[in-house]
Amino acid sequence: MNSKTISILSYVTIIGWIIAYVKSKDLSTKNDLAHYHLEQGLGFFLLTVVVNFILSITVSILPVLSFLNYIGLILLILWVFGIINAANEQRKPIPVIGKLFENKFGFLA
């Protein structure tokens, strides 16, 4: 599996991220592109889990705030940007939130 495939796969669910992580260890040389997108993918996954958990609790308590569910659409758009960056082999962070995840997951190295 090449670094481009690993980079794209790192955004496709947590199962895809785990497969990409295992396959990145099989690469003969350390690949910065794959490592970068593994960080971005894991950070994005963790962020979406937390945001969706908070939104589900908030909307169940206060149904009047159901318009906050549109945050999920925003996250979907950001996810697509991450996949596009990986497909184009660019080391660009996910817009707005990507800088939060850079160099935060030291265990990936």
N, C-alpha and C. Protein backbone atom coordinates (compact mmCIF):
# COMPACT_ATOMS: atom_id res chain seq x y z
N MET A 1 0.86 -1.16 0.00
CA MET A 1 0.00 0.00 0.00
C MET A 1 0.91 1.23 0.00
N ASN A 2 0.64 2.18 -0.89
CA ASN A 2 1.49 3.36 -0.96
C ASN A 2 1.00 4.45 0.00
N SER A 3 1.78 5.51 0.12
CA SER A 3 1.47 6.55 1.11
C SER A 3 0.19 7.31 0.76
N LYS A 4 -0.12 7.45 -0.52
CA LYS A 4 -1.35 8.15 -0.92
C LYS A 4 -2.58 7.37 -0.46
N THR A 5 -2.57 6.07 -0.65
CA THR A 5 -3.68 5.23 -0.23
C THR A 5 -3.83 5.24 1.28
N ILE A 6 -2.72 5.17 1.98
CA ILE A 6 -2.74 5.21 3.44
C ILE A 6 -3.31 6.55 3.92
N SER A 7 -2.90 7.63 3.27
CA SER A 7 -3.38 8.96 3.63
C SER A 7 -4.89 9.08 3.47
N ILE A 8 -5.41 8.58 2.37
CA ILE A 8 -6.86 8.64 2.13
C ILE A 8 -7.60 7.74 3.11
N LEU A 9 -7.08 6.55 3.32
CA LEU A 9 -7.72 5.58 4.20
C LEU A 9 -7.77 6.06 5.65
N SER A 10 -6.85 6.93 6.02
CA SER A 10 -6.82 7.41 7.41
C SER A 10 -8.03 8.27 7.77
N TYR A 11 -8.80 8.70 6.79
CA TYR A 11 -10.00 9.50 7.05
C TYR A 11 -11.28 8.67 7.03
N VAL A 12 -11.19 7.42 6.60
CA VAL A 12 -12.40 6.61 6.39
C VAL A 12 -12.68 5.75 7.62
N THR A 13 -13.46 6.23 8.52
CA THR A 13 -13.87 5.60 9.78
C THR A 13 -12.67 5.19 10.63
N ILE A 14 -12.93 4.78 11.83
CA ILE A 14 -11.85 4.39 12.74
C ILE A 14 -11.23 3.06 12.28
N ILE A 15 -12.02 2.20 11.67
CA ILE A 15 -11.48 0.94 11.15
C ILE A 15 -10.49 1.23 10.02
N GLY A 16 -10.84 2.14 9.14
CA GLY A 16 -9.93 2.54 8.07
C GLY A 16 -8.67 3.17 8.63
N TRP A 17 -8.82 3.95 9.69
CA TRP A 17 -7.66 4.57 10.31
C TRP A 17 -6.73 3.51 10.89
N ILE A 18 -7.29 2.50 11.54
CA ILE A 18 -6.47 1.44 12.13
C ILE A 18 -5.73 0.68 11.04
N ILE A 19 -6.41 0.37 9.95
CA ILE A 19 -5.76 -0.32 8.83
C ILE A 19 -4.64 0.54 8.27
N ALA A 20 -4.90 1.84 8.09
CA ALA A 20 -3.87 2.75 7.58
C ALA A 20 -2.68 2.82 8.53
N TYR A 21 -2.95 2.84 9.82
CA TYR A 21 -1.88 2.90 10.82
C TYR A 21 -1.00 1.65 10.75
N VAL A 22 -1.63 0.49 10.68
CA VAL A 22 -0.87 -0.76 10.61
C VAL A 22 -0.07 -0.82 9.30
N LYS A 23 -0.69 -0.44 8.20
CA LYS A 23 0.00 -0.47 6.92
C LYS A 23 1.12 0.57 6.84
N SER A 24 0.98 1.68 7.55
CA SER A 24 2.04 2.70 7.53
C SER A 24 3.30 2.18 8.22
N LYS A 25 3.13 1.26 9.16
CA LYS A 25 4.29 0.65 9.82
C LYS A 25 5.03 -0.29 8.87
N ASP A 26 4.33 -0.79 7.83
CA ASP A 26 4.94 -1.69 6.86
C ASP A 26 5.76 -0.97 5.80
N LEU A 27 5.60 0.36 5.69
CA LEU A 27 6.34 1.10 4.68
C LEU A 27 7.84 1.01 4.98
N SER A 28 8.63 0.87 3.93
CA SER A 28 10.08 0.69 4.12
C SER A 28 10.74 1.93 4.73
N THR A 29 10.27 3.11 4.34
CA THR A 29 10.80 4.35 4.92
C THR A 29 9.66 5.10 5.59
N LYS A 30 10.01 5.88 6.59
CA LYS A 30 8.99 6.69 7.28
C LYS A 30 8.47 7.73 6.30
N ASN A 31 7.18 7.77 6.13
CA ASN A 31 6.57 8.68 5.17
C ASN A 31 5.86 9.80 5.91
N ASP A 32 6.32 11.03 5.67
CA ASP A 32 5.73 12.19 6.34
C ASP A 32 4.30 12.44 5.93
N LEU A 33 3.96 12.18 4.67
CA LEU A 33 2.60 12.40 4.19
C LEU A 33 1.62 11.48 4.91
N ALA A 34 1.95 10.21 4.99
CA ALA A 34 1.06 9.26 5.67
C ALA A 34 0.95 9.60 7.15
N HIS A 35 2.06 9.93 7.78
CA HIS A 35 2.05 10.28 9.20
C HIS A 35 1.19 11.52 9.46
N TYR A 36 1.33 12.51 8.59
CA TYR A 36 0.57 13.75 8.74
C TYR A 36 -0.94 13.49 8.66
N HIS A 37 -1.35 12.71 7.68
CA HIS A 37 -2.78 12.45 7.51
C HIS A 37 -3.31 11.47 8.55
N LEU A 38 -2.46 10.62 9.09
CA LEU A 38 -2.88 9.79 10.22
C LEU A 38 -3.20 10.67 11.43
N GLU A 39 -2.36 11.68 11.67
CA GLU A 39 -2.64 12.63 12.76
C GLU A 39 -3.93 13.38 12.52
N GLN A 40 -4.10 13.89 11.31
CA GLN A 40 -5.30 14.66 10.98
C GLN A 40 -6.55 13.78 11.08
N GLY A 41 -6.48 12.56 10.58
CA GLY A 41 -7.62 11.66 10.62
C GLY A 41 -8.02 11.27 12.03
N LEU A 42 -7.03 10.95 12.87
CA LEU A 42 -7.34 10.58 14.26
C LEU A 42 -7.91 11.77 15.03
N GLY A 43 -7.31 12.92 14.86
CA GLY A 43 -7.81 14.12 15.53
C GLY A 43 -9.22 14.46 15.09
N PHE A 44 -9.47 14.34 13.79
CA PHE A 44 -10.81 14.63 13.29
C PHE A 44 -11.82 13.64 13.82
N PHE A 45 -11.46 12.37 13.88
CA PHE A 45 -12.37 11.35 14.41
C PHE A 45 -12.71 11.64 15.87
N LEU A 46 -11.70 11.92 16.66
CA LEU A 46 -11.94 12.21 18.08
C LEU A 46 -12.81 13.45 18.26
N LEU A 47 -12.54 14.48 17.45
CA LEU A 47 -13.34 15.70 17.52
C LEU A 47 -14.80 15.43 17.17
N THR A 48 -15.05 14.66 16.13
CA THR A 48 -16.43 14.40 15.73
C THR A 48 -17.17 13.57 16.77
N VAL A 49 -16.48 12.63 17.41
CA VAL A 49 -17.13 11.85 18.47
C VAL A 49 -17.54 12.76 19.61
N VAL A 50 -16.65 13.63 20.04
CA VAL A 50 -16.96 14.54 21.15
C VAL A 50 -18.07 15.51 20.78
N VAL A 51 -17.99 16.10 19.59
CA VAL A 51 -19.01 17.06 19.16
C VAL A 51 -20.37 16.39 19.04
N ASN A 52 -20.42 15.21 18.44
CA ASN A 52 -21.70 14.51 18.30
C ASN A 52 -22.27 14.10 19.64
N PHE A 53 -21.43 13.70 20.57
CA PHE A 53 -21.89 13.35 21.92
C PHE A 53 -22.50 14.56 22.61
N ILE A 54 -21.79 15.69 22.56
CA ILE A 54 -22.29 16.91 23.20
C ILE A 54 -23.58 17.38 22.53
N LEU A 55 -23.62 17.32 21.19
CA LEU A 55 -24.83 17.76 20.47
C LEU A 55 -26.02 16.87 20.79
N SER A 56 -25.81 15.57 20.87
CA SER A 56 -26.94 14.68 21.14
C SER A 56 -27.52 14.94 22.53
N ILE A 57 -26.66 15.19 23.49
CA ILE A 57 -27.14 15.50 24.84
C ILE A 57 -27.85 16.85 24.86
N THR A 58 -27.24 17.84 24.23
CA THR A 58 -27.81 19.19 24.22
C THR A 58 -29.17 19.21 23.53
N VAL A 59 -29.29 18.57 22.39
CA VAL A 59 -30.55 18.59 21.64
C VAL A 59 -31.61 17.76 22.34
N SER A 60 -31.22 16.70 23.04
CA SER A 60 -32.22 15.92 23.76
C SER A 60 -32.76 16.67 24.97
N ILE A 61 -31.94 17.51 25.58
CA ILE A 61 -32.39 18.30 26.73
C ILE A 61 -33.18 19.52 26.26
N LEU A 62 -32.67 20.18 25.24
CA LEU A 62 -33.32 21.39 24.71
C LEU A 62 -33.63 21.21 23.22
N PRO A 63 -34.76 20.63 22.88
CA PRO A 63 -35.09 20.38 21.47
C PRO A 63 -35.15 21.65 20.62
N VAL A 64 -35.32 22.78 21.27
CA VAL A 64 -35.37 24.05 20.53
C VAL A 64 -34.03 24.34 19.84
N LEU A 65 -32.97 23.70 20.31
CA LEU A 65 -31.65 23.90 19.72
C LEU A 65 -31.33 22.87 18.63
N SER A 66 -32.33 22.29 18.05
CA SER A 66 -32.11 21.24 17.04
C SER A 66 -31.39 21.77 15.80
N PHE A 67 -31.39 23.07 15.59
CA PHE A 67 -30.66 23.64 14.46
C PHE A 67 -29.15 23.40 14.60
N LEU A 68 -28.68 23.09 15.80
CA LEU A 68 -27.26 22.81 16.01
C LEU A 68 -26.82 21.54 15.30
N ASN A 69 -27.77 20.73 14.87
CA ASN A 69 -27.41 19.52 14.13
C ASN A 69 -26.75 19.83 12.79
N TYR A 70 -26.86 21.05 12.33
CA TYR A 70 -26.18 21.45 11.10
C TYR A 70 -24.67 21.47 11.27
N ILE A 71 -24.20 21.42 12.48
CA ILE A 71 -22.76 21.32 12.72
C ILE A 71 -22.24 20.02 12.10
N GLY A 72 -23.08 18.99 12.08
CA GLY A 72 -22.70 17.73 11.43
C GLY A 72 -22.41 17.91 9.95
N LEU A 73 -23.17 18.76 9.28
CA LEU A 73 -22.91 19.04 7.86
C LEU A 73 -21.59 19.76 7.68
N ILE A 74 -21.30 20.66 8.59
CA ILE A 74 -20.02 21.38 8.53
C ILE A 74 -18.87 20.39 8.70
N LEU A 75 -19.02 19.46 9.64
CA LEU A 75 -17.99 18.45 9.84
C LEU A 75 -17.83 17.56 8.61
N LEU A 76 -18.92 17.25 7.95
CA LEU A 76 -18.86 16.46 6.73
C LEU A 76 -18.06 17.18 5.65
N ILE A 77 -18.30 18.46 5.50
CA ILE A 77 -17.57 19.25 4.50
C ILE A 77 -16.08 19.29 4.84
N LEU A 78 -15.75 19.47 6.12
CA LEU A 78 -14.34 19.48 6.53
C LEU A 78 -13.68 18.13 6.29
N TRP A 79 -14.44 17.05 6.50
CA TRP A 79 -13.95 15.70 6.26
C TRP A 79 -13.59 15.52 4.78
N VAL A 80 -14.45 16.03 3.90
CA VAL A 80 -14.19 15.94 2.46
C VAL A 80 -12.93 16.71 2.10
N PHE A 81 -12.72 17.87 2.72
CA PHE A 81 -11.49 18.64 2.48
C PHE A 81 -10.26 17.83 2.88
N GLY A 82 -10.35 17.13 3.99
CA GLY A 82 -9.23 16.29 4.41
C GLY A 82 -8.92 15.20 3.41
N ILE A 83 -9.97 14.54 2.90
CA ILE A 83 -9.77 13.48 1.91
C ILE A 83 -9.19 14.05 0.62
N ILE A 84 -9.66 15.21 0.21
CA ILE A 84 -9.13 15.84 -1.01
C ILE A 84 -7.66 16.17 -0.85
N ASN A 85 -7.28 16.70 0.31
CA ASN A 85 -5.86 17.01 0.56
C ASN A 85 -5.02 15.74 0.52
N ALA A 86 -5.54 14.66 1.08
CA ALA A 86 -4.81 13.39 1.06
C ALA A 86 -4.69 12.85 -0.37
N ALA A 87 -5.76 12.95 -1.14
CA ALA A 87 -5.74 12.46 -2.52
C ALA A 87 -4.79 13.26 -3.40
N ASN A 88 -4.65 14.54 -3.10
CA ASN A 88 -3.74 15.39 -3.86
C ASN A 88 -2.32 15.35 -3.32
N GLU A 89 -2.10 14.52 -2.30
CA GLU A 89 -0.79 14.36 -1.66
C GLU A 89 -0.25 15.68 -1.12
N GLN A 90 -1.11 16.45 -0.51
CA GLN A 90 -0.74 17.73 0.09
C GLN A 90 -0.72 17.61 1.60
N ARG A 91 0.24 18.24 2.23
CA ARG A 91 0.30 18.26 3.69
C ARG A 91 -0.37 19.54 4.20
N LYS A 92 -1.63 19.68 3.89
CA LYS A 92 -2.41 20.83 4.33
C LYS A 92 -3.35 20.39 5.44
N PRO A 93 -3.49 21.19 6.49
CA PRO A 93 -4.42 20.81 7.56
C PRO A 93 -5.87 20.96 7.10
N ILE A 94 -6.74 20.25 7.80
CA ILE A 94 -8.16 20.41 7.56
C ILE A 94 -8.51 21.85 7.90
N PRO A 95 -9.27 22.54 7.04
CA PRO A 95 -9.58 23.95 7.32
C PRO A 95 -10.21 24.13 8.70
N VAL A 96 -9.88 25.21 9.34
CA VAL A 96 -10.41 25.67 10.62
C VAL A 96 -9.88 24.86 11.81
N ILE A 97 -9.91 23.53 11.73
CA ILE A 97 -9.59 22.72 12.91
C ILE A 97 -8.30 21.92 12.78
N GLY A 98 -7.73 21.84 11.61
CA GLY A 98 -6.58 20.97 11.37
C GLY A 98 -5.34 21.33 12.16
N LYS A 99 -5.14 22.60 12.43
CA LYS A 99 -3.95 23.04 13.17
C LYS A 99 -3.95 22.49 14.60
N LEU A 100 -5.13 22.18 15.13
CA LEU A 100 -5.23 21.63 16.48
C LEU A 100 -4.57 20.25 16.59
N PHE A 101 -4.50 19.52 15.50
CA PHE A 101 -4.06 18.14 15.54
C PHE A 101 -2.60 17.94 15.15
N GLU A 102 -1.95 19.00 14.68
CA GLU A 102 -0.57 18.85 14.23
C GLU A 102 0.34 18.61 15.42
N ASN A 103 1.14 17.56 15.32
CA ASN A 103 2.14 17.17 16.33
C ASN A 103 1.55 16.91 17.70
N LYS A 104 0.32 16.45 17.77
CA LYS A 104 -0.33 16.14 19.05
C LYS A 104 -0.29 14.65 19.38
N PHE A 105 -0.08 13.81 18.40
CA PHE A 105 -0.14 12.37 18.63
C PHE A 105 1.25 11.78 18.41
N GLY A 106 2.07 11.90 19.43
CA GLY A 106 3.45 11.45 19.35
C GLY A 106 3.61 9.95 19.18
N PHE A 107 2.65 9.18 19.62
CA PHE A 107 2.74 7.72 19.53
C PHE A 107 2.66 7.22 18.10
N LEU A 108 2.26 8.08 17.16
CA LEU A 108 2.16 7.66 15.77
C LEU A 108 3.51 7.58 15.07
N ALA A 109 4.50 8.21 15.63
CA ALA A 109 5.82 8.26 14.99
C ALA A 109 6.53 6.94 15.00
